[in-house]
């Protein structure tokens, strides 16, 4: 608990025609129990260009779904994304 377990890079275009590059880290917030989700604390921006394009994230939960997909849910918002492994 407290160790940095998530490193995320986000890149893309801006409306101005330039691009952004943001790097985030986030700590493990609770020890996983049984088949329960992995709880990750809020993320912090470790670097960003331009810095104004990078906003820290809220706590998330990671759940391994049947079939191997991974669901990332934002705590308190009901929002989630599902990631599918590519071969």
PDB file of N, CA and C in Angstrom:
ATOM      1  N   UNK A   1       0.857  -1.177   0.000  1.00  0.00           N
ATOM      2  CA  UNK A   1       0.000   0.000   0.000  1.00  0.00           C
ATOM      3  C   UNK A   1       0.897   1.232   0.000  1.00  0.00           C
ATOM      4  N   UNK A   2       0.571   2.178  -0.883  1.00  0.00           N
ATOM      5  CA  UNK A   2       1.361   3.391  -1.006  1.00  0.00           C
ATOM      6  C   UNK A   2       2.392   3.356  -2.115  1.00  0.00           C
ATOM      7  N   UNK A   3       2.752   2.145  -2.587  1.00  0.00           N
ATOM      8  CA  UNK A   3       3.703   2.037  -3.693  1.00  0.00           C
ATOM      9  C   UNK A   3       3.062   2.527  -4.987  1.00  0.00           C
ATOM     10  N   UNK A   4       3.865   3.138  -5.846  1.00  0.00           N
ATOM     11  CA  UNK A   4       3.379   3.575  -7.151  1.00  0.00           C
ATOM     12  C   UNK A   4       3.190   2.337  -8.030  1.00  0.00           C
ATOM     13  N   UNK A   5       1.952   2.033  -8.398  1.00  0.00           N
ATOM     14  CA  UNK A   5       1.663   0.823  -9.166  1.00  0.00           C
ATOM     15  C   UNK A   5       1.097   1.120 -10.550  1.00  0.00           C
ATOM     16  N   UNK A   6       0.786   2.387 -10.813  1.00  0.00           N
ATOM     17  CA  UNK A   6       0.231   2.755 -12.112  1.00  0.00           C
ATOM     18  C   UNK A   6       1.093   3.840 -12.725  1.00  0.00           C
ATOM     19  N   UNK A   7       1.515   3.613 -13.955  1.00  0.00           N
ATOM     20  CA  UNK A   7       2.195   4.626 -14.748  1.00  0.00           C
ATOM     21  C   UNK A   7       1.424   4.707 -16.052  1.00  0.00           C
ATOM     22  N   UNK A   8       0.970   5.900 -16.396  1.00  0.00           N
ATOM     23  CA  UNK A   8       0.111   6.070 -17.564  1.00  0.00           C
ATOM     24  C   UNK A   8       0.631   7.223 -18.401  1.00  0.00           C
ATOM     25  N   UNK A   9       0.668   7.030 -19.712  1.00  0.00           N
ATOM     26  CA  UNK A   9       1.049   8.087 -20.646  1.00  0.00           C
ATOM     27  C   UNK A   9      -0.136   8.362 -21.556  1.00  0.00           C
ATOM     28  N   UNK A  10      -0.452   9.643 -21.718  1.00  0.00           N
ATOM     29  CA  UNK A  10      -1.532  10.055 -22.615  1.00  0.00           C
ATOM     30  C   UNK A  10      -0.967  11.074 -23.600  1.00  0.00           C
ATOM     31  N   UNK A  11      -1.276  10.878 -24.875  1.00  0.00           N
ATOM     32  CA  UNK A  11      -0.816  11.784 -25.924  1.00  0.00           C
ATOM     33  C   UNK A  11      -1.944  11.997 -26.910  1.00  0.00           C
ATOM     34  N   UNK A  12      -1.944  13.161 -27.537  1.00  0.00           N
ATOM     35  CA  UNK A  12      -2.959  13.398 -28.541  1.00  0.00           C
ATOM     36  C   UNK A  12      -2.923  14.815 -29.068  1.00  0.00           C
ATOM     37  N   UNK A  13      -3.834  15.111 -29.996  1.00  0.00           N
ATOM     38  CA  UNK A  13      -3.877  16.442 -30.601  1.00  0.00           C
ATOM     39  C   UNK A  13      -4.652  17.434 -29.732  1.00  0.00           C
ATOM     40  N   UNK A  14      -4.274  18.699 -29.844  1.00  0.00           N
ATOM     41  CA  UNK A  14      -5.005  19.796 -29.214  1.00  0.00           C
ATOM     42  C   UNK A  14      -5.775  20.553 -30.293  1.00  0.00           C
ATOM     43  N   UNK A  15      -6.784  21.300 -29.897  1.00  0.00           N
ATOM     44  CA  UNK A  15      -7.585  22.072 -30.848  1.00  0.00           C
ATOM     45  C   UNK A  15      -6.723  23.076 -31.617  1.00  0.00           C
ATOM     46  N   UNK A  16      -5.632  23.513 -31.019  1.00  0.00           N
ATOM     47  CA  UNK A  16      -4.740  24.490 -31.655  1.00  0.00           C
ATOM     48  C   UNK A  16      -3.924  23.889 -32.798  1.00  0.00           C
ATOM     49  N   UNK A  17      -3.944  22.566 -32.912  1.00  0.00           N
ATOM     50  CA  UNK A  17      -3.161  21.888 -33.938  1.00  0.00           C
ATOM     51  C   UNK A  17      -1.871  21.296 -33.405  1.00  0.00           C
ATOM     52  N   UNK A  18      -1.459  21.710 -32.213  1.00  0.00           N
ATOM     53  CA  UNK A  18      -0.277  21.106 -31.597  1.00  0.00           C
ATOM     54  C   UNK A  18      -0.697  19.829 -30.862  1.00  0.00           C
ATOM     55  N   UNK A  19       0.203  19.241 -30.110  1.00  0.00           N
ATOM     56  CA  UNK A  19      -0.100  17.997 -29.405  1.00  0.00           C
ATOM     57  C   UNK A  19       0.205  18.141 -27.919  1.00  0.00           C
ATOM     58  N   UNK A  20      -0.326  17.201 -27.129  1.00  0.00           N
ATOM     59  CA  UNK A  20      -0.022  17.151 -25.700  1.00  0.00           C
ATOM     60  C   UNK A  20       0.617  15.805 -25.369  1.00  0.00           C
ATOM     61  N   UNK A  21       1.348  15.791 -24.271  1.00  0.00           N
ATOM     62  CA  UNK A  21       1.970  14.570 -23.760  1.00  0.00           C
ATOM     63  C   UNK A  21       1.924  14.667 -22.241  1.00  0.00           C
ATOM     64  N   UNK A  22       1.221  13.753 -21.596  1.00  0.00           N
ATOM     65  CA  UNK A  22       1.080  13.761 -20.138  1.00  0.00           C
ATOM     66  C   UNK A  22       1.505  12.409 -19.579  1.00  0.00           C
ATOM     67  N   UNK A  23       2.227  12.442 -18.465  1.00  0.00           N
ATOM     68  CA  UNK A  23       2.616  11.220 -17.764  1.00  0.00           C
ATOM     69  C   UNK A  23       2.103  11.298 -16.333  1.00  0.00           C
ATOM     70  N   UNK A  24       1.507  10.192 -15.869  1.00  0.00           N
ATOM     71  CA  UNK A  24       0.876  10.139 -14.556  1.00  0.00           C
ATOM     72  C   UNK A  24       1.403   8.940 -13.771  1.00  0.00           C
ATOM     73  N   UNK A  25       1.382   9.049 -12.456  1.00  0.00           N
ATOM     74  CA  UNK A  25       1.641   7.917 -11.572  1.00  0.00           C
ATOM     75  C   UNK A  25       0.546   7.893 -10.513  1.00  0.00           C
ATOM     76  N   UNK A  26       0.281   6.698  -9.962  1.00  0.00           N
ATOM     77  CA  UNK A  26      -0.735   6.570  -8.910  1.00  0.00           C
ATOM     78  C   UNK A  26      -0.358   5.422  -7.979  1.00  0.00           C
ATOM     79  N   UNK A  27      -0.666   5.575  -6.686  1.00  0.00           N
ATOM     80  CA  UNK A  27      -0.298   4.555  -5.702  1.00  0.00           C
ATOM     81  C   UNK A  27      -1.386   3.505  -5.487  1.00  0.00           C
ATOM     82  N   UNK A  28      -0.973   2.348  -5.007  1.00  0.00           N
ATOM     83  CA  UNK A  28      -1.915   1.334  -4.538  1.00  0.00           C
ATOM     84  C   UNK A  28      -2.549   1.862  -3.256  1.00  0.00           C
ATOM     85  N   UNK A  29      -3.891   1.877  -3.182  1.00  0.00           N
ATOM     86  CA  UNK A  29      -4.538   2.457  -1.994  1.00  0.00           C
ATOM     87  C   UNK A  29      -4.983   1.417  -0.979  1.00  0.00           C
ATOM     88  N   UNK A  30      -5.255   0.193  -1.414  1.00  0.00           N
ATOM     89  CA  UNK A  30      -5.646  -0.892  -0.513  1.00  0.00           C
ATOM     90  C   UNK A  30      -5.051  -2.195  -1.016  1.00  0.00           C
ATOM     91  N   UNK A  31      -4.771  -3.083  -0.103  1.00  0.00           N
ATOM     92  CA  UNK A  31      -4.294  -4.417  -0.481  1.00  0.00           C
ATOM     93  C   UNK A  31      -5.473  -5.190  -1.085  1.00  0.00           C
ATOM     94  N   UNK A  32      -5.314  -5.778  -2.284  1.00  0.00           N
ATOM     95  CA  UNK A  32      -6.406  -6.549  -2.883  1.00  0.00           C
ATOM     96  C   UNK A  32      -6.806  -7.720  -1.991  1.00  0.00           C
ATOM     97  N   UNK A  33      -8.103  -8.004  -1.953  1.00  0.00           N
ATOM     98  CA  UNK A  33      -8.626  -9.111  -1.145  1.00  0.00           C
ATOM     99  C   UNK A  33      -9.351 -10.096  -2.051  1.00  0.00           C
ATOM    100  N   UNK A  34      -8.909 -11.351  -2.059  1.00  0.00           N
ATOM    101  CA  UNK A  34      -9.585 -12.385  -2.848  1.00  0.00           C
ATOM    102  C   UNK A  34      -9.686 -12.008  -4.308  1.00  0.00           C
ATOM    103  N   UNK A  35     -10.906 -12.111  -4.841  1.00  0.00           N
ATOM    104  CA  UNK A  35     -11.164 -11.769  -6.236  1.00  0.00           C
ATOM    105  C   UNK A  35     -11.609 -10.327  -6.397  1.00  0.00           C
ATOM    106  N   UNK A  36     -11.501  -9.519  -5.347  1.00  0.00           N
ATOM    107  CA  UNK A  36     -11.946  -8.129  -5.396  1.00  0.00           C
ATOM    108  C   UNK A  36     -11.078  -7.274  -6.301  1.00  0.00           C
ATOM    109  N   UNK A  37     -11.504  -6.042  -6.539  1.00  0.00           N
ATOM    110  CA  UNK A  37     -10.753  -5.154  -7.424  1.00  0.00           C
ATOM    111  C   UNK A  37      -9.451  -4.672  -6.790  1.00  0.00           C
ATOM    112  N   UNK A  38      -8.549  -4.225  -7.636  1.00  0.00           N
ATOM    113  CA  UNK A  38      -7.334  -3.554  -7.191  1.00  0.00           C
ATOM    114  C   UNK A  38      -7.678  -2.077  -7.096  1.00  0.00           C
ATOM    115  N   UNK A  39      -7.490  -1.494  -5.916  1.00  0.00           N
ATOM    116  CA  UNK A  39      -7.842  -0.089  -5.697  1.00  0.00           C
ATOM    117  C   UNK A  39      -6.589   0.777  -5.799  1.00  0.00           C
ATOM    118  N   UNK A  40      -6.685   1.766  -6.676  1.00  0.00           N
ATOM    119  CA  UNK A  40      -5.565   2.658  -6.942  1.00  0.00           C
ATOM    120  C   UNK A  40      -5.974   4.070  -6.553  1.00  0.00           C
ATOM    121  N   UNK A  41      -5.080   4.757  -5.850  1.00  0.00           N
ATOM    122  CA  UNK A  41      -5.357   6.115  -5.390  1.00  0.00           C
ATOM    123  C   UNK A  41      -5.365   7.120  -6.526  1.00  0.00           C
ATOM    124  N   UNK A  42      -5.610   8.380  -6.210  1.00  0.00           N
ATOM    125  CA  UNK A  42      -5.634   9.413  -7.243  1.00  0.00           C
ATOM    126  C   UNK A  42      -4.266   9.536  -7.915  1.00  0.00           C
ATOM    127  N   UNK A  43      -4.292   9.857  -9.200  1.00  0.00           N
ATOM    128  CA  UNK A  43      -3.036   9.988  -9.933  1.00  0.00           C
ATOM    129  C   UNK A  43      -2.477  11.397  -9.790  1.00  0.00           C
ATOM    130  N   UNK A  44      -1.175  11.481  -9.969  1.00  0.00           N
ATOM    131  CA  UNK A  44      -0.470  12.761  -9.977  1.00  0.00           C
ATOM    132  C   UNK A  44       0.219  12.910 -11.326  1.00  0.00           C
ATOM    133  N   UNK A  45       0.320  14.128 -11.794  1.00  0.00           N
ATOM    134  CA  UNK A  45       1.027  14.399 -13.045  1.00  0.00           C
ATOM    135  C   UNK A  45       2.521  14.386 -12.750  1.00  0.00           C
ATOM    136  N   UNK A  46       3.255  13.495 -13.418  1.00  0.00           N
ATOM    137  CA  UNK A  46       4.705  13.455 -13.221  1.00  0.00           C
ATOM    138  C   UNK A  46       5.433  14.308 -14.254  1.00  0.00           C
ATOM    139  N   UNK A  47       4.828  14.496 -15.427  1.00  0.00           N
ATOM    140  CA  UNK A  47       5.340  15.444 -16.418  1.00  0.00           C
ATOM    141  C   UNK A  47       4.246  15.708 -17.437  1.00  0.00           C
ATOM    142  N   UNK A  48       4.328  16.868 -18.073  1.00  0.00           N
ATOM    143  CA  UNK A  48       3.322  17.197 -19.069  1.00  0.00           C
ATOM    144  C   UNK A  48       3.744  18.352 -19.952  1.00  0.00           C
ATOM    145  N   UNK A  49       3.376  18.259 -21.239  1.00  0.00           N
ATOM    146  CA  UNK A  49       3.628  19.311 -22.212  1.00  0.00           C
ATOM    147  C   UNK A  49       2.391  19.496 -23.059  1.00  0.00           C
ATOM    148  N   UNK A  50       1.736  20.622 -23.072  1.00  0.00           N
ATOM    149  CA  UNK A  50       1.870  21.676 -22.073  1.00  0.00           C
ATOM    150  C   UNK A  50       1.246  21.234 -20.746  1.00  0.00           C
ATOM    151  N   UNK A  51       1.759  21.741 -19.649  1.00  0.00           N
ATOM    152  CA  UNK A  51       1.285  21.339 -18.316  1.00  0.00           C
ATOM    153  C   UNK A  51      -0.200  21.612 -18.136  1.00  0.00           C
ATOM    154  N   UNK A  52      -0.724  22.640 -18.786  1.00  0.00           N
ATOM    155  CA  UNK A  52      -2.144  22.989 -18.648  1.00  0.00           C
ATOM    156  C   UNK A  52      -3.064  21.927 -19.241  1.00  0.00           C
ATOM    157  N   UNK A  53      -2.526  21.017 -20.042  1.00  0.00           N
ATOM    158  CA  UNK A  53      -3.331  19.951 -20.655  1.00  0.00           C
ATOM    159  C   UNK A  53      -3.419  18.700 -19.791  1.00  0.00           C
ATOM    160  N   UNK A  54      -2.708  18.673 -18.671  1.00  0.00           N
ATOM    161  CA  UNK A  54      -2.621  17.473 -17.842  1.00  0.00           C
ATOM    162  C   UNK A  54      -3.291  17.710 -16.494  1.00  0.00           C
ATOM    163  N   UNK A  55      -4.311  16.924 -16.192  1.00  0.00           N
ATOM    164  CA  UNK A  55      -5.062  17.059 -14.950  1.00  0.00           C
ATOM    165  C   UNK A  55      -4.975  15.755 -14.162  1.00  0.00           C
ATOM    166  N   UNK A  56      -4.647  15.823 -12.863  1.00  0.00           N
ATOM    167  CA  UNK A  56      -4.603  14.599 -12.053  1.00  0.00           C
ATOM    168  C   UNK A  56      -5.942  13.864 -12.097  1.00  0.00           C
ATOM    169  N   UNK A  57      -5.897  12.545 -11.944  1.00  0.00           N
ATOM    170  CA  UNK A  57      -7.104  11.729 -12.004  1.00  0.00           C
ATOM    171  C   UNK A  57      -7.614  11.327 -10.634  1.00  0.00           C
ATOM    172  N   UNK A  58      -8.852  10.876 -10.611  1.00  0.00           N
ATOM    173  CA  UNK A  58      -9.494  10.409  -9.379  1.00  0.00           C
ATOM    174  C   UNK A  58      -9.089   8.965  -9.095  1.00  0.00           C
ATOM    175  N   UNK A  59      -9.354   8.488  -7.882  1.00  0.00           N
ATOM    176  CA  UNK A  59      -9.073   7.079  -7.574  1.00  0.00           C
ATOM    177  C   UNK A  59      -9.817   6.139  -8.526  1.00  0.00           C
ATOM    178  N   UNK A  60      -9.206   4.987  -8.806  1.00  0.00           N
ATOM    179  CA  UNK A  60      -9.813   4.009  -9.702  1.00  0.00           C
ATOM    180  C   UNK A  60      -9.742   2.611  -9.110  1.00  0.00           C
ATOM    181  N   UNK A  61     -10.572   1.737  -9.671  1.00  0.00           N
ATOM    182  CA  UNK A  61     -10.556   0.317  -9.322  1.00  0.00           C
ATOM    183  C   UNK A  61     -10.357  -0.475 -10.601  1.00  0.00           C
ATOM    184  N   UNK A  62      -9.483  -1.472 -10.551  1.00  0.00           N
ATOM    185  CA  UNK A  62      -9.240  -2.367 -11.681  1.00  0.00           C
ATOM    186  C   UNK A  62      -9.819  -3.732 -11.362  1.00  0.00           C
ATOM    187  N   UNK A  63     -10.638  -4.248 -12.292  1.00  0.00           N
ATOM    188  CA  UNK A  63     -11.278  -5.547 -12.106  1.00  0.00           C
ATOM    189  C   UNK A  63     -11.013  -6.407 -13.332  1.00  0.00           C
ATOM    190  N   UNK A  64     -10.483  -7.610 -13.120  1.00  0.00           N
ATOM    191  CA  UNK A  64     -10.287  -8.559 -14.208  1.00  0.00           C
ATOM    192  C   UNK A  64     -11.618  -9.241 -14.480  1.00  0.00           C
ATOM    193  N   UNK A  65     -12.088  -9.141 -15.713  1.00  0.00           N
ATOM    194  CA  UNK A  65     -13.388  -9.694 -16.098  1.00  0.00           C
ATOM    195  C   UNK A  65     -13.228 -11.087 -16.694  1.00  0.00           C
ATOM    196  N   UNK A  66     -14.314 -11.878 -16.685  1.00  0.00           N
ATOM    197  CA  UNK A  66     -14.260 -13.182 -17.349  1.00  0.00           C
ATOM    198  C   UNK A  66     -13.850 -12.985 -18.815  1.00  0.00           C
ATOM    199  N   UNK A  67     -12.986 -13.812 -19.301  1.00  0.00           N
ATOM    200  CA  UNK A  67     -12.517 -13.673 -20.670  1.00  0.00           C
ATOM    201  C   UNK A  67     -11.231 -12.869 -20.777  1.00  0.00           C
ATOM    202  N   UNK A  68     -10.792 -12.266 -19.662  1.00  0.00           N
ATOM    203  CA  UNK A  68      -9.512 -11.583 -19.666  1.00  0.00           C
ATOM    204  C   UNK A  68      -9.532 -10.086 -19.875  1.00  0.00           C
ATOM    205  N   UNK A  69     -10.705  -9.482 -20.129  1.00  0.00           N
ATOM    206  CA  UNK A  69     -10.766  -8.032 -20.256  1.00  0.00           C
ATOM    207  C   UNK A  69     -10.522  -7.389 -18.898  1.00  0.00           C
ATOM    208  N   UNK A  70     -10.149  -6.121 -18.905  1.00  0.00           N
ATOM    209  CA  UNK A  70      -9.874  -5.379 -17.682  1.00  0.00           C
ATOM    210  C   UNK A  70     -10.781  -4.157 -17.631  1.00  0.00           C
ATOM    211  N   UNK A  71     -11.515  -4.009 -16.533  1.00  0.00           N
ATOM    212  CA  UNK A  71     -12.375  -2.835 -16.362  1.00  0.00           C
ATOM    213  C   UNK A  71     -11.689  -1.870 -15.405  1.00  0.00           C
ATOM    214  N   UNK A  72     -11.598  -0.605 -15.819  1.00  0.00           N
ATOM    215  CA  UNK A  72     -11.067   0.462 -14.964  1.00  0.00           C
ATOM    216  C   UNK A  72     -12.222   1.398 -14.652  1.00  0.00           C
ATOM    217  N   UNK A  73     -12.631   1.426 -13.377  1.00  0.00           N
ATOM    218  CA  UNK A  73     -13.764   2.241 -12.940  1.00  0.00           C
ATOM    219  C   UNK A  73     -13.265   3.414 -12.112  1.00  0.00           C
ATOM    220  N   UNK A  74     -13.807   4.597 -12.390  1.00  0.00           N
ATOM    221  CA  UNK A  74     -13.475   5.779 -11.602  1.00  0.00           C
ATOM    222  C   UNK A  74     -14.359   5.793 -10.368  1.00  0.00           C
ATOM    223  N   UNK A  75     -13.742   5.811  -9.199  1.00  0.00           N
ATOM    224  CA  UNK A  75     -14.470   5.755  -7.932  1.00  0.00           C
ATOM    225  C   UNK A  75     -15.350   6.995  -7.781  1.00  0.00           C
ATOM    226  N   UNK A  76     -16.623   6.762  -7.445  1.00  0.00           N
ATOM    227  CA  UNK A  76     -17.540   7.849  -7.152  1.00  0.00           C
ATOM    228  C   UNK A  76     -18.241   8.474  -8.338  1.00  0.00           C
ATOM    229  N   UNK A  77     -17.886   8.069  -9.571  1.00  0.00           N
ATOM    230  CA  UNK A  77     -18.521   8.680 -10.739  1.00  0.00           C
ATOM    231  C   UNK A  77     -19.375   7.705 -11.536  1.00  0.00           C
ATOM    232  N   UNK A  78     -19.115   6.408 -11.390  1.00  0.00           N
ATOM    233  CA  UNK A  78     -19.820   5.420 -12.195  1.00  0.00           C
ATOM    234  C   UNK A  78     -19.227   5.252 -13.584  1.00  0.00           C
ATOM    235  N   UNK A  79     -18.217   6.049 -13.931  1.00  0.00           N
ATOM    236  CA  UNK A  79     -17.584   5.940 -15.244  1.00  0.00           C
ATOM    237  C   UNK A  79     -16.626   4.757 -15.269  1.00  0.00           C
ATOM    238  N   UNK A  80     -16.571   4.075 -16.398  1.00  0.00           N
ATOM    239  CA  UNK A  80     -15.615   2.980 -16.522  1.00  0.00           C
ATOM    240  C   UNK A  80     -15.199   2.804 -17.973  1.00  0.00           C
ATOM    241  N   UNK A  81     -14.038   2.208 -18.138  1.00  0.00           N
ATOM    242  CA  UNK A  81     -13.506   1.838 -19.445  1.00  0.00           C
ATOM    243  C   UNK A  81     -13.162   0.364 -19.397  1.00  0.00           C
ATOM    244  N   UNK A  82     -13.317  -0.311 -20.518  1.00  0.00           N
ATOM    245  CA  UNK A  82     -12.935  -1.718 -20.595  1.00  0.00           C
ATOM    246  C   UNK A  82     -11.799  -1.845 -21.597  1.00  0.00           C
ATOM    247  N   UNK A  83     -10.722  -2.472 -21.139  1.00  0.00           N
ATOM    248  CA  UNK A  83      -9.546  -2.697 -21.968  1.00  0.00           C
ATOM    249  C   UNK A  83      -9.526  -4.157 -22.393  1.00  0.00           C
ATOM    250  N   UNK A  84      -9.253  -4.378 -23.683  1.00  0.00           N
ATOM    251  CA  UNK A  84      -9.164  -5.723 -24.235  1.00  0.00           C
ATOM    252  C   UNK A  84      -7.732  -5.974 -24.668  1.00  0.00           C
ATOM    253  N   UNK A  85      -7.202  -7.096 -24.268  1.00  0.00           N
ATOM    254  CA  UNK A  85      -5.832  -7.451 -24.633  1.00  0.00           C
ATOM    255  C   UNK A  85      -5.763  -7.718 -26.129  1.00  0.00           C
ATOM    256  N   UNK A  86      -4.738  -7.164 -26.764  1.00  0.00           N
ATOM    257  CA  UNK A  86      -4.524  -7.462 -28.182  1.00  0.00           C
ATOM    258  C   UNK A  86      -3.408  -8.491 -28.295  1.00  0.00           C
ATOM    259  N   UNK A  87      -3.513  -9.330 -29.302  1.00  0.00           N
ATOM    260  CA  UNK A  87      -2.504 -10.381 -29.494  1.00  0.00           C
ATOM    261  C   UNK A  87      -1.335  -9.876 -30.290  1.00  0.00           C
TER     262      UNK A  87
END
